[in-house]
Amino acid sequence: MTKKPIDITGKLPPVQVRKPWRQSLPEIHAKRIDKLIDTHGRIKAAMAQLKAIQQEFHDYVPKGREEFEMRHLQEQVAAVLVLLGCAEEKLYLTVPSEEFMSAEHLADLGIH
């Protein structure tokens, strides 16, 4: 015995666009925002990897000449983390703040 499909036409709520404020933007700007967000995410991932490497360096106890080389590597990783931190902050500031707001917060502000 086969079940008859249920007709749900008109019974579902209308589809809500997650970010209606973006609909007023030209498509190229919305794509650029998406690329900035993607780049921001990749920078944060790289920072997490470097922090893990930095922790491994910190936990490792070098001997003799290794100590100098490890200290040099630690300094380089620390410098890269500072630069990536600056890049991450700048990218975060280039993305419209509405991108990170919840739908409720946007509604409270009157942004559609």
N, C-alpha and C. Protein backbone atom coordinates (compact mmCIF):
# COMPACT_ATOMS: atom_id res chain seq x y z
N MET A 1 0.83 -1.16 0.00
CA MET A 1 0.00 0.00 0.00
C MET A 1 0.89 1.25 0.00
N THR A 2 0.70 2.12 -0.96
CA THR A 2 1.51 3.33 -1.04
C THR A 2 0.80 4.49 -0.37
N LYS A 3 1.61 5.35 0.23
CA LYS A 3 1.04 6.51 0.89
C LYS A 3 0.82 7.62 -0.12
N LYS A 4 -0.25 8.31 0.04
CA LYS A 4 -0.57 9.44 -0.83
C LYS A 4 0.26 10.65 -0.38
N PRO A 5 0.91 11.33 -1.31
CA PRO A 5 1.70 12.50 -0.92
C PRO A 5 0.81 13.58 -0.30
N ILE A 6 1.35 14.25 0.70
CA ILE A 6 0.61 15.31 1.38
C ILE A 6 0.83 16.62 0.62
N ASP A 7 -0.26 17.30 0.36
CA ASP A 7 -0.19 18.60 -0.31
C ASP A 7 0.07 19.67 0.73
N ILE A 8 1.21 20.29 0.65
CA ILE A 8 1.55 21.32 1.64
C ILE A 8 1.50 22.72 1.03
N THR A 9 0.93 22.82 -0.16
CA THR A 9 0.87 24.12 -0.83
C THR A 9 0.14 25.12 0.06
N GLY A 10 0.77 26.21 0.30
CA GLY A 10 0.16 27.27 1.08
C GLY A 10 0.20 27.04 2.58
N LYS A 11 0.77 25.96 3.03
CA LYS A 11 0.82 25.66 4.45
C LYS A 11 2.16 26.01 5.09
N LEU A 12 3.14 26.26 4.28
CA LEU A 12 4.46 26.61 4.81
C LEU A 12 4.60 28.13 4.88
N PRO A 13 5.32 28.63 5.86
CA PRO A 13 5.54 30.08 5.91
C PRO A 13 6.39 30.52 4.72
N PRO A 14 6.30 31.78 4.36
CA PRO A 14 7.12 32.25 3.24
C PRO A 14 8.61 32.13 3.58
N VAL A 15 9.41 31.93 2.56
CA VAL A 15 10.85 31.83 2.75
C VAL A 15 11.38 33.19 3.17
N GLN A 16 12.16 33.20 4.24
CA GLN A 16 12.75 34.44 4.72
C GLN A 16 14.18 34.54 4.22
N VAL A 17 14.50 35.65 3.65
CA VAL A 17 15.87 35.90 3.24
C VAL A 17 16.65 36.21 4.50
N ARG A 18 17.79 35.54 4.68
CA ARG A 18 18.55 35.69 5.92
C ARG A 18 19.07 37.10 6.12
N LYS A 19 19.46 37.74 5.06
CA LYS A 19 20.04 39.08 5.17
C LYS A 19 19.35 40.01 4.17
N PRO A 20 18.13 40.44 4.48
CA PRO A 20 17.40 41.27 3.51
C PRO A 20 18.08 42.60 3.21
N TRP A 21 18.87 43.11 4.14
CA TRP A 21 19.56 44.39 3.89
C TRP A 21 20.52 44.27 2.72
N ARG A 22 21.00 43.05 2.43
CA ARG A 22 21.94 42.86 1.33
C ARG A 22 21.25 42.93 -0.04
N GLN A 23 19.94 42.74 -0.07
CA GLN A 23 19.22 42.76 -1.35
C GLN A 23 19.30 44.12 -2.03
N SER A 24 19.50 45.17 -1.25
CA SER A 24 19.58 46.51 -1.85
C SER A 24 20.97 46.80 -2.42
N LEU A 25 21.94 45.93 -2.12
CA LEU A 25 23.30 46.14 -2.62
C LEU A 25 23.44 45.60 -4.04
N PRO A 26 24.28 46.24 -4.83
CA PRO A 26 24.61 45.63 -6.13
C PRO A 26 25.27 44.27 -5.89
N GLU A 27 25.04 43.33 -6.77
CA GLU A 27 25.53 41.96 -6.60
C GLU A 27 27.04 41.93 -6.38
N ILE A 28 27.78 42.79 -7.07
CA ILE A 28 29.24 42.77 -6.94
C ILE A 28 29.67 43.11 -5.51
N HIS A 29 28.93 44.00 -4.84
CA HIS A 29 29.28 44.35 -3.46
C HIS A 29 28.99 43.19 -2.51
N ALA A 30 27.88 42.52 -2.73
CA ALA A 30 27.56 41.36 -1.90
C ALA A 30 28.62 40.27 -2.06
N LYS A 31 29.09 40.07 -3.31
CA LYS A 31 30.14 39.08 -3.55
C LYS A 31 31.44 39.48 -2.87
N ARG A 32 31.75 40.77 -2.90
CA ARG A 32 32.97 41.25 -2.24
C ARG A 32 32.89 41.04 -0.73
N ILE A 33 31.72 41.29 -0.16
CA ILE A 33 31.55 41.07 1.28
C ILE A 33 31.78 39.59 1.59
N ASP A 34 31.22 38.71 0.76
CA ASP A 34 31.41 37.27 0.97
C ASP A 34 32.88 36.88 0.90
N LYS A 35 33.61 37.47 -0.06
CA LYS A 35 35.04 37.18 -0.19
C LYS A 35 35.82 37.70 1.03
N LEU A 36 35.45 38.88 1.51
CA LEU A 36 36.11 39.42 2.70
C LEU A 36 35.87 38.52 3.91
N ILE A 37 34.65 38.04 4.05
CA ILE A 37 34.33 37.14 5.16
C ILE A 37 35.11 35.84 5.03
N ASP A 38 35.21 35.32 3.82
CA ASP A 38 35.97 34.09 3.59
C ASP A 38 37.45 34.31 3.92
N THR A 39 38.01 35.40 3.47
CA THR A 39 39.41 35.72 3.76
C THR A 39 39.62 35.89 5.26
N HIS A 40 38.70 36.56 5.91
CA HIS A 40 38.77 36.74 7.36
C HIS A 40 38.80 35.38 8.06
N GLY A 41 37.96 34.47 7.62
CA GLY A 41 37.94 33.12 8.20
C GLY A 41 39.24 32.37 7.98
N ARG A 42 39.81 32.51 6.77
CA ARG A 42 41.08 31.83 6.49
C ARG A 42 42.22 32.40 7.33
N ILE A 43 42.20 33.70 7.56
CA ILE A 43 43.23 34.32 8.40
C ILE A 43 43.10 33.82 9.84
N LYS A 44 41.86 33.72 10.33
CA LYS A 44 41.66 33.21 11.69
C LYS A 44 42.13 31.76 11.80
N ALA A 45 41.89 30.96 10.76
CA ALA A 45 42.35 29.57 10.77
C ALA A 45 43.87 29.50 10.77
N ALA A 46 44.52 30.35 9.97
CA ALA A 46 45.99 30.38 9.94
C ALA A 46 46.54 30.81 11.29
N MET A 47 45.89 31.77 11.93
CA MET A 47 46.33 32.20 13.25
C MET A 47 46.21 31.07 14.27
N ALA A 48 45.14 30.31 14.18
CA ALA A 48 44.97 29.18 15.11
C ALA A 48 46.07 28.14 14.91
N GLN A 49 46.41 27.86 13.65
CA GLN A 49 47.49 26.91 13.38
C GLN A 49 48.82 27.42 13.91
N LEU A 50 49.10 28.69 13.69
CA LEU A 50 50.35 29.26 14.17
C LEU A 50 50.42 29.29 15.69
N LYS A 51 49.28 29.55 16.34
CA LYS A 51 49.27 29.52 17.80
C LYS A 51 49.55 28.12 18.32
N ALA A 52 49.04 27.10 17.61
CA ALA A 52 49.32 25.72 18.00
C ALA A 52 50.81 25.41 17.82
N ILE A 53 51.39 25.88 16.72
CA ILE A 53 52.82 25.68 16.48
C ILE A 53 53.63 26.40 17.57
N GLN A 54 53.21 27.61 17.90
CA GLN A 54 53.89 28.39 18.93
C GLN A 54 53.86 27.64 20.26
N GLN A 55 52.73 27.04 20.58
CA GLN A 55 52.62 26.28 21.82
C GLN A 55 53.54 25.06 21.79
N GLU A 56 53.62 24.40 20.64
CA GLU A 56 54.54 23.25 20.51
C GLU A 56 55.98 23.69 20.72
N PHE A 57 56.35 24.85 20.18
CA PHE A 57 57.70 25.37 20.40
C PHE A 57 57.93 25.63 21.88
N HIS A 58 56.92 26.19 22.52
CA HIS A 58 57.04 26.52 23.94
C HIS A 58 57.20 25.26 24.79
N ASP A 59 56.50 24.19 24.41
CA ASP A 59 56.55 22.94 25.17
C ASP A 59 57.83 22.14 24.92
N TYR A 60 58.48 22.39 23.79
CA TYR A 60 59.68 21.64 23.42
C TYR A 60 60.90 22.21 24.16
N VAL A 61 61.69 21.34 24.69
CA VAL A 61 62.91 21.79 25.40
C VAL A 61 64.11 21.48 24.51
N PRO A 62 64.64 22.52 23.84
CA PRO A 62 65.77 22.31 22.94
C PRO A 62 67.09 22.17 23.70
N LYS A 63 68.08 21.61 23.01
CA LYS A 63 69.41 21.43 23.60
C LYS A 63 70.46 22.04 22.68
N GLY A 64 71.44 22.71 23.28
CA GLY A 64 72.58 23.23 22.52
C GLY A 64 72.18 24.22 21.45
N ARG A 65 72.64 23.97 20.24
CA ARG A 65 72.39 24.86 19.10
C ARG A 65 70.90 24.97 18.78
N GLU A 66 70.17 23.91 19.03
CA GLU A 66 68.73 23.92 18.79
C GLU A 66 68.04 25.06 19.53
N GLU A 67 68.55 25.40 20.69
CA GLU A 67 67.93 26.44 21.50
C GLU A 67 67.90 27.77 20.74
N PHE A 68 69.02 28.13 20.12
CA PHE A 68 69.09 29.37 19.34
C PHE A 68 68.13 29.31 18.16
N GLU A 69 68.11 28.20 17.43
CA GLU A 69 67.24 28.06 16.27
C GLU A 69 65.77 28.09 16.67
N MET A 70 65.44 27.44 17.78
CA MET A 70 64.06 27.43 18.23
C MET A 70 63.62 28.83 18.67
N ARG A 71 64.49 29.54 19.35
CA ARG A 71 64.15 30.90 19.77
C ARG A 71 63.91 31.77 18.54
N HIS A 72 64.75 31.60 17.52
CA HIS A 72 64.59 32.37 16.28
C HIS A 72 63.25 32.03 15.62
N LEU A 73 62.90 30.76 15.56
CA LEU A 73 61.61 30.35 14.98
C LEU A 73 60.45 30.90 15.80
N GLN A 74 60.57 30.86 17.12
CA GLN A 74 59.50 31.39 17.97
C GLN A 74 59.29 32.88 17.73
N GLU A 75 60.38 33.61 17.55
CA GLU A 75 60.28 35.04 17.28
C GLU A 75 59.60 35.29 15.94
N GLN A 76 59.93 34.48 14.94
CA GLN A 76 59.31 34.64 13.63
C GLN A 76 57.82 34.33 13.68
N VAL A 77 57.46 33.27 14.36
CA VAL A 77 56.04 32.91 14.49
C VAL A 77 55.30 34.02 15.24
N ALA A 78 55.89 34.54 16.29
CA ALA A 78 55.26 35.62 17.05
C ALA A 78 55.06 36.85 16.17
N ALA A 79 56.04 37.18 15.33
CA ALA A 79 55.92 38.33 14.42
C ALA A 79 54.81 38.11 13.40
N VAL A 80 54.73 36.90 12.86
CA VAL A 80 53.68 36.59 11.89
C VAL A 80 52.31 36.67 12.55
N LEU A 81 52.21 36.21 13.79
CA LEU A 81 50.93 36.29 14.51
C LEU A 81 50.50 37.74 14.71
N VAL A 82 51.45 38.62 14.98
CA VAL A 82 51.12 40.04 15.13
C VAL A 82 50.60 40.59 13.81
N LEU A 83 51.29 40.28 12.72
CA LEU A 83 50.86 40.77 11.40
C LEU A 83 49.50 40.20 11.02
N LEU A 84 49.30 38.92 11.25
CA LEU A 84 48.00 38.31 10.94
C LEU A 84 46.90 38.90 11.82
N GLY A 85 47.23 39.20 13.06
CA GLY A 85 46.25 39.83 13.95
C GLY A 85 45.82 41.19 13.43
N CYS A 86 46.78 41.95 12.91
CA CYS A 86 46.47 43.26 12.32
C CYS A 86 45.60 43.08 11.07
N ALA A 87 45.96 42.12 10.23
CA ALA A 87 45.18 41.86 9.02
C ALA A 87 43.77 41.41 9.37
N GLU A 88 43.65 40.55 10.37
CA GLU A 88 42.34 40.05 10.79
C GLU A 88 41.46 41.20 11.28
N GLU A 89 42.04 42.10 12.06
CA GLU A 89 41.29 43.24 12.57
C GLU A 89 40.85 44.16 11.45
N LYS A 90 41.75 44.44 10.52
CA LYS A 90 41.42 45.33 9.39
C LYS A 90 40.31 44.71 8.54
N LEU A 91 40.41 43.41 8.26
CA LEU A 91 39.37 42.75 7.47
C LEU A 91 38.04 42.77 8.20
N TYR A 92 38.07 42.53 9.50
CA TYR A 92 36.83 42.56 10.29
C TYR A 92 36.17 43.93 10.17
N LEU A 93 36.98 44.99 10.18
CA LEU A 93 36.45 46.34 10.12
C LEU A 93 35.95 46.71 8.73
N THR A 94 36.37 45.99 7.68
CA THR A 94 35.91 46.31 6.33
C THR A 94 34.56 45.67 6.02
N VAL A 95 34.19 44.65 6.78
CA VAL A 95 32.91 43.98 6.57
C VAL A 95 31.83 44.79 7.30
N PRO A 96 30.71 45.07 6.62
CA PRO A 96 29.64 45.82 7.30
C PRO A 96 29.21 45.11 8.59
N SER A 97 29.03 45.88 9.64
CA SER A 97 28.69 45.28 10.95
C SER A 97 27.37 44.52 10.89
N GLU A 98 26.48 44.89 9.97
CA GLU A 98 25.21 44.18 9.82
C GLU A 98 25.41 42.71 9.50
N GLU A 99 26.53 42.39 8.88
CA GLU A 99 26.83 41.01 8.49
C GLU A 99 26.92 40.10 9.71
N PHE A 100 27.32 40.63 10.84
CA PHE A 100 27.52 39.84 12.03
C PHE A 100 26.35 39.94 13.02
N MET A 101 25.33 40.72 12.67
CA MET A 101 24.19 40.91 13.57
C MET A 101 23.12 39.84 13.33
N SER A 102 22.42 39.51 14.39
CA SER A 102 21.31 38.57 14.27
C SER A 102 20.12 39.28 13.61
N ALA A 103 19.18 38.49 13.12
CA ALA A 103 17.99 39.05 12.49
C ALA A 103 17.21 39.92 13.48
N GLU A 104 17.17 39.48 14.74
CA GLU A 104 16.45 40.25 15.76
C GLU A 104 17.10 41.60 16.00
N HIS A 105 18.42 41.61 16.07
CA HIS A 105 19.15 42.86 16.29
C HIS A 105 18.94 43.81 15.11
N LEU A 106 18.98 43.27 13.90
CA LEU A 106 18.74 44.09 12.71
C LEU A 106 17.34 44.69 12.75
N ALA A 107 16.35 43.88 13.15
CA ALA A 107 14.96 44.35 13.24
C ALA A 107 14.85 45.45 14.30
N ASP A 108 15.53 45.28 15.43
CA ASP A 108 15.52 46.29 16.49
C ASP A 108 16.07 47.63 16.00
N LEU A 109 17.05 47.54 15.11
CA LEU A 109 17.66 48.76 14.56
C LEU A 109 16.87 49.34 13.39
N GLY A 110 15.87 48.58 12.94
CA GLY A 110 15.07 49.03 11.81
C GLY A 110 15.74 48.81 10.47
N ILE A 111 16.71 47.90 10.42
CA ILE A 111 17.42 47.58 9.18
C ILE A 111 16.74 46.39 8.54
N HIS A 112 16.36 46.57 7.31
CA HIS A 112 15.69 45.46 6.60
C HIS A 112 16.54 44.96 5.48
